[in-house]
Every structure is written in C-alpha cells, then in structure tokens.
Amino acid sequence: MAESGVLYLIHFKTGERLGPLDGEKGDVVFPPQVRGWGEVLDCRHKPYTEKSVEELKHYAHHVRKDFLLIDNHHISFRIKGSP
C-alpha cells in the first residue's frame, strides 16, 4: 500500500482516479484536464473525512465540483470499512 497522505483526484461522475498528485496543502499540482480549485472539492478535512467516497461524489454534484481531492488513507479506510 502507498504511504498515507498521497493525494488523488476522483472525478465525481465517472469515478476515475487521477494521481498520485504532487504538492501539499494549497499547492497541489493538478493534471492538465483540471482547470484549478474551482473544479475541486477539497475533502482532506472534517466533515469530509467522515464521509464515504460515494457520499462525497453526491455532495460534489450539488456544489458543482467535478473532482474530489482526497488522500489514499481516506480511500483505503472508506473502501475497507464499507459494509
């Protein structure tokens, strides 16, 4: 398994995972198909870290964000912890 804290983007419609990404905090380097923070929901903090990826995708749709920014710890915890 990769180190905790490695960042990924997930496209909320397709579920496509992009990454790992370079950077940290506000200095994340996005791939060319992402135009910037206006398209990204930063899910690295509470209350987002307490939600499943599916819940985050639903929320991203409502706030008009195309991508979720999460770390691999969130992905593995939520997938393994799912019923």
N, C-alpha and C. Protein backbone atom coordinates (compact mmCIF):
# COMPACT_ATOMS: atom_id res chain seq x y z
N MET A 1 0.85 -1.18 0.00
CA MET A 1 0.00 0.00 0.00
C MET A 1 0.89 1.24 0.00
N ALA A 2 0.43 2.29 -0.64
CA ALA A 2 1.17 3.55 -0.69
C ALA A 2 1.11 4.25 0.66
N GLU A 3 1.99 5.22 0.85
CA GLU A 3 2.01 5.98 2.09
C GLU A 3 0.73 6.77 2.27
N SER A 4 0.35 6.96 3.55
CA SER A 4 -0.79 7.81 3.84
C SER A 4 -0.43 9.24 3.47
N GLY A 5 -1.40 10.00 3.01
CA GLY A 5 -1.16 11.38 2.64
C GLY A 5 -0.91 11.59 1.17
N VAL A 6 -0.83 10.53 0.39
CA VAL A 6 -0.66 10.67 -1.07
C VAL A 6 -2.00 11.14 -1.62
N LEU A 7 -1.97 12.18 -2.44
CA LEU A 7 -3.20 12.82 -2.91
C LEU A 7 -3.67 12.27 -4.24
N TYR A 8 -4.99 12.17 -4.36
CA TYR A 8 -5.64 11.73 -5.59
C TYR A 8 -6.85 12.61 -5.88
N LEU A 9 -7.21 12.69 -7.14
CA LEU A 9 -8.46 13.30 -7.56
C LEU A 9 -9.38 12.19 -8.03
N ILE A 10 -10.66 12.29 -7.71
CA ILE A 10 -11.65 11.37 -8.22
C ILE A 10 -12.70 12.18 -8.95
N HIS A 11 -12.95 11.84 -10.21
CA HIS A 11 -13.99 12.52 -10.98
C HIS A 11 -15.34 12.03 -10.46
N PHE A 12 -16.20 12.95 -10.04
CA PHE A 12 -17.42 12.53 -9.36
C PHE A 12 -18.39 11.78 -10.26
N LYS A 13 -18.38 12.02 -11.57
CA LYS A 13 -19.31 11.33 -12.46
C LYS A 13 -18.81 9.95 -12.87
N THR A 14 -17.54 9.86 -13.22
CA THR A 14 -17.01 8.61 -13.76
C THR A 14 -16.33 7.73 -12.71
N GLY A 15 -15.92 8.33 -11.60
CA GLY A 15 -15.17 7.58 -10.59
C GLY A 15 -13.70 7.41 -10.95
N GLU A 16 -13.27 7.99 -12.08
CA GLU A 16 -11.88 7.89 -12.50
C GLU A 16 -10.98 8.51 -11.44
N ARG A 17 -9.91 7.79 -11.09
CA ARG A 17 -8.96 8.29 -10.10
C ARG A 17 -7.72 8.79 -10.82
N LEU A 18 -7.32 10.02 -10.53
CA LEU A 18 -6.13 10.64 -11.11
C LEU A 18 -5.09 10.82 -10.01
N GLY A 19 -3.88 10.47 -10.29
CA GLY A 19 -2.84 10.66 -9.29
C GLY A 19 -1.91 9.47 -9.25
N PRO A 20 -0.99 9.50 -8.35
CA PRO A 20 -0.86 10.45 -7.25
C PRO A 20 -0.43 11.83 -7.74
N LEU A 21 -0.84 12.84 -6.97
CA LEU A 21 -0.55 14.23 -7.31
C LEU A 21 0.64 14.73 -6.51
N ASP A 22 1.32 15.72 -7.04
CA ASP A 22 2.41 16.37 -6.33
C ASP A 22 1.86 17.56 -5.56
N GLY A 23 2.50 17.86 -4.44
CA GLY A 23 2.14 19.04 -3.66
C GLY A 23 1.51 18.70 -2.34
N GLU A 24 1.21 19.75 -1.59
CA GLU A 24 0.55 19.60 -0.30
C GLU A 24 -0.16 20.90 0.02
N LYS A 25 -1.06 20.84 0.98
CA LYS A 25 -1.86 21.98 1.41
C LYS A 25 -2.50 22.64 0.18
N GLY A 26 -2.28 23.94 -0.04
CA GLY A 26 -2.89 24.64 -1.16
C GLY A 26 -2.09 24.60 -2.44
N ASP A 27 -0.92 23.98 -2.39
CA ASP A 27 -0.02 23.96 -3.54
C ASP A 27 -0.05 22.62 -4.26
N VAL A 28 -1.23 22.15 -4.60
CA VAL A 28 -1.37 20.88 -5.30
C VAL A 28 -1.23 21.13 -6.80
N VAL A 29 -0.48 20.27 -7.46
CA VAL A 29 -0.30 20.37 -8.91
C VAL A 29 -1.34 19.47 -9.57
N PHE A 30 -2.30 20.09 -10.26
CA PHE A 30 -3.37 19.35 -10.91
C PHE A 30 -2.96 18.90 -12.30
N PRO A 31 -3.52 17.77 -12.75
CA PRO A 31 -3.26 17.34 -14.13
C PRO A 31 -3.91 18.31 -15.13
N PRO A 32 -3.51 18.27 -16.39
CA PRO A 32 -3.99 19.24 -17.38
C PRO A 32 -5.51 19.31 -17.54
N GLN A 33 -6.22 18.20 -17.35
CA GLN A 33 -7.68 18.23 -17.53
C GLN A 33 -8.43 18.92 -16.39
N VAL A 34 -7.72 19.31 -15.33
CA VAL A 34 -8.33 20.01 -14.20
C VAL A 34 -7.88 21.47 -14.28
N ARG A 35 -8.85 22.38 -14.36
CA ARG A 35 -8.53 23.79 -14.55
C ARG A 35 -8.15 24.53 -13.27
N GLY A 36 -8.32 23.91 -12.12
CA GLY A 36 -7.93 24.56 -10.88
C GLY A 36 -8.90 24.27 -9.75
N TRP A 37 -8.72 25.02 -8.65
CA TRP A 37 -9.52 24.79 -7.44
C TRP A 37 -11.01 24.97 -7.67
N GLY A 38 -11.42 25.74 -8.65
CA GLY A 38 -12.84 25.94 -8.92
C GLY A 38 -13.57 24.66 -9.29
N GLU A 39 -12.83 23.65 -9.73
CA GLU A 39 -13.42 22.35 -10.11
C GLU A 39 -13.24 21.28 -9.04
N VAL A 40 -12.56 21.64 -7.94
CA VAL A 40 -12.13 20.62 -6.99
C VAL A 40 -12.75 20.86 -5.61
N LEU A 41 -13.32 19.79 -5.04
CA LEU A 41 -13.79 19.80 -3.66
C LEU A 41 -12.69 19.19 -2.81
N ASP A 42 -12.10 19.98 -1.92
CA ASP A 42 -11.01 19.52 -1.06
C ASP A 42 -11.60 18.72 0.10
N CYS A 43 -11.40 17.42 0.08
CA CYS A 43 -12.02 16.52 1.07
C CYS A 43 -11.00 16.00 2.08
N ARG A 44 -9.96 16.76 2.34
CA ARG A 44 -8.91 16.31 3.24
C ARG A 44 -9.17 16.68 4.70
N HIS A 45 -10.29 17.33 4.98
CA HIS A 45 -10.57 17.81 6.33
C HIS A 45 -11.98 17.42 6.74
N LYS A 46 -12.26 17.48 8.05
CA LYS A 46 -13.61 17.23 8.54
C LYS A 46 -14.52 18.31 8.02
N PRO A 47 -15.75 18.06 7.70
CA PRO A 47 -16.51 16.83 7.89
C PRO A 47 -16.35 15.84 6.73
N TYR A 48 -15.59 16.21 5.70
CA TYR A 48 -15.48 15.35 4.51
C TYR A 48 -14.78 14.03 4.81
N THR A 49 -13.79 14.04 5.70
CA THR A 49 -13.06 12.81 6.01
C THR A 49 -13.95 11.78 6.70
N GLU A 50 -15.09 12.22 7.21
CA GLU A 50 -16.01 11.31 7.90
C GLU A 50 -17.04 10.70 6.97
N LYS A 51 -17.01 11.08 5.70
CA LYS A 51 -17.99 10.60 4.73
C LYS A 51 -17.36 9.59 3.77
N SER A 52 -18.19 8.74 3.20
CA SER A 52 -17.70 7.78 2.21
C SER A 52 -17.45 8.51 0.89
N VAL A 53 -16.71 7.87 0.02
CA VAL A 53 -16.45 8.45 -1.30
C VAL A 53 -17.76 8.63 -2.06
N GLU A 54 -18.68 7.70 -1.93
CA GLU A 54 -19.98 7.83 -2.60
C GLU A 54 -20.75 9.04 -2.08
N GLU A 55 -20.72 9.27 -0.78
CA GLU A 55 -21.39 10.46 -0.22
C GLU A 55 -20.73 11.73 -0.73
N LEU A 56 -19.41 11.72 -0.83
CA LEU A 56 -18.68 12.89 -1.32
C LEU A 56 -18.99 13.18 -2.79
N LYS A 57 -19.13 12.12 -3.59
CA LYS A 57 -19.49 12.31 -5.01
C LYS A 57 -20.86 12.98 -5.11
N HIS A 58 -21.80 12.54 -4.30
CA HIS A 58 -23.15 13.12 -4.30
C HIS A 58 -23.08 14.60 -3.91
N TYR A 59 -22.32 14.91 -2.88
CA TYR A 59 -22.18 16.29 -2.44
C TYR A 59 -21.50 17.15 -3.51
N ALA A 60 -20.46 16.61 -4.14
CA ALA A 60 -19.75 17.36 -5.19
C ALA A 60 -20.70 17.77 -6.31
N HIS A 61 -21.62 16.89 -6.65
CA HIS A 61 -22.61 17.22 -7.67
C HIS A 61 -23.43 18.44 -7.26
N HIS A 62 -23.85 18.50 -6.01
CA HIS A 62 -24.68 19.61 -5.54
C HIS A 62 -23.94 20.93 -5.44
N VAL A 63 -22.65 20.88 -5.16
CA VAL A 63 -21.88 22.13 -5.07
C VAL A 63 -21.14 22.44 -6.37
N ARG A 64 -21.45 21.67 -7.42
CA ARG A 64 -20.92 21.89 -8.76
C ARG A 64 -19.39 21.82 -8.84
N LYS A 65 -18.86 20.78 -8.23
CA LYS A 65 -17.43 20.47 -8.33
C LYS A 65 -17.31 19.18 -9.12
N ASP A 66 -16.34 19.10 -10.00
CA ASP A 66 -16.17 17.91 -10.83
C ASP A 66 -15.26 16.86 -10.19
N PHE A 67 -14.38 17.29 -9.29
CA PHE A 67 -13.39 16.38 -8.73
C PHE A 67 -13.36 16.46 -7.21
N LEU A 68 -13.05 15.32 -6.60
CA LEU A 68 -12.81 15.24 -5.16
C LEU A 68 -11.31 15.12 -4.96
N LEU A 69 -10.74 15.91 -4.05
CA LEU A 69 -9.34 15.78 -3.68
C LEU A 69 -9.29 15.04 -2.35
N ILE A 70 -8.74 13.84 -2.37
CA ILE A 70 -8.66 13.03 -1.16
C ILE A 70 -7.28 12.38 -1.10
N ASP A 71 -6.94 11.87 0.10
CA ASP A 71 -5.68 11.14 0.18
C ASP A 71 -5.96 9.64 0.21
N ASN A 72 -4.93 8.86 -0.01
CA ASN A 72 -5.11 7.42 -0.11
C ASN A 72 -5.59 6.80 1.19
N HIS A 73 -5.30 7.42 2.32
CA HIS A 73 -5.80 6.90 3.59
C HIS A 73 -7.33 6.92 3.59
N HIS A 74 -7.91 7.99 3.11
CA HIS A 74 -9.38 8.10 3.02
C HIS A 74 -9.94 7.03 2.10
N ILE A 75 -9.31 6.83 0.96
CA ILE A 75 -9.79 5.83 0.01
C ILE A 75 -9.76 4.44 0.63
N SER A 76 -8.62 4.04 1.18
CA SER A 76 -8.49 2.67 1.69
C SER A 76 -9.35 2.47 2.93
N PHE A 77 -9.45 3.46 3.80
CA PHE A 77 -10.26 3.32 5.01
C PHE A 77 -11.73 3.18 4.64
N ARG A 78 -12.22 4.01 3.76
CA ARG A 78 -13.64 4.00 3.41
C ARG A 78 -14.02 2.77 2.59
N ILE A 79 -13.12 2.30 1.75
CA ILE A 79 -13.45 1.11 0.96
C ILE A 79 -13.42 -0.13 1.85
N LYS A 80 -12.38 -0.28 2.67
CA LYS A 80 -12.28 -1.43 3.57
C LYS A 80 -13.32 -1.38 4.65
N GLY A 81 -13.68 -0.17 5.10
CA GLY A 81 -14.64 -0.03 6.19
C GLY A 81 -16.10 -0.08 5.74
N SER A 82 -16.33 -0.21 4.44
CA SER A 82 -17.70 -0.24 3.93
C SER A 82 -18.34 -1.59 4.24
N PRO A 83 -19.65 -1.58 4.49
CA PRO A 83 -20.33 -2.86 4.75
C PRO A 83 -20.43 -3.71 3.50
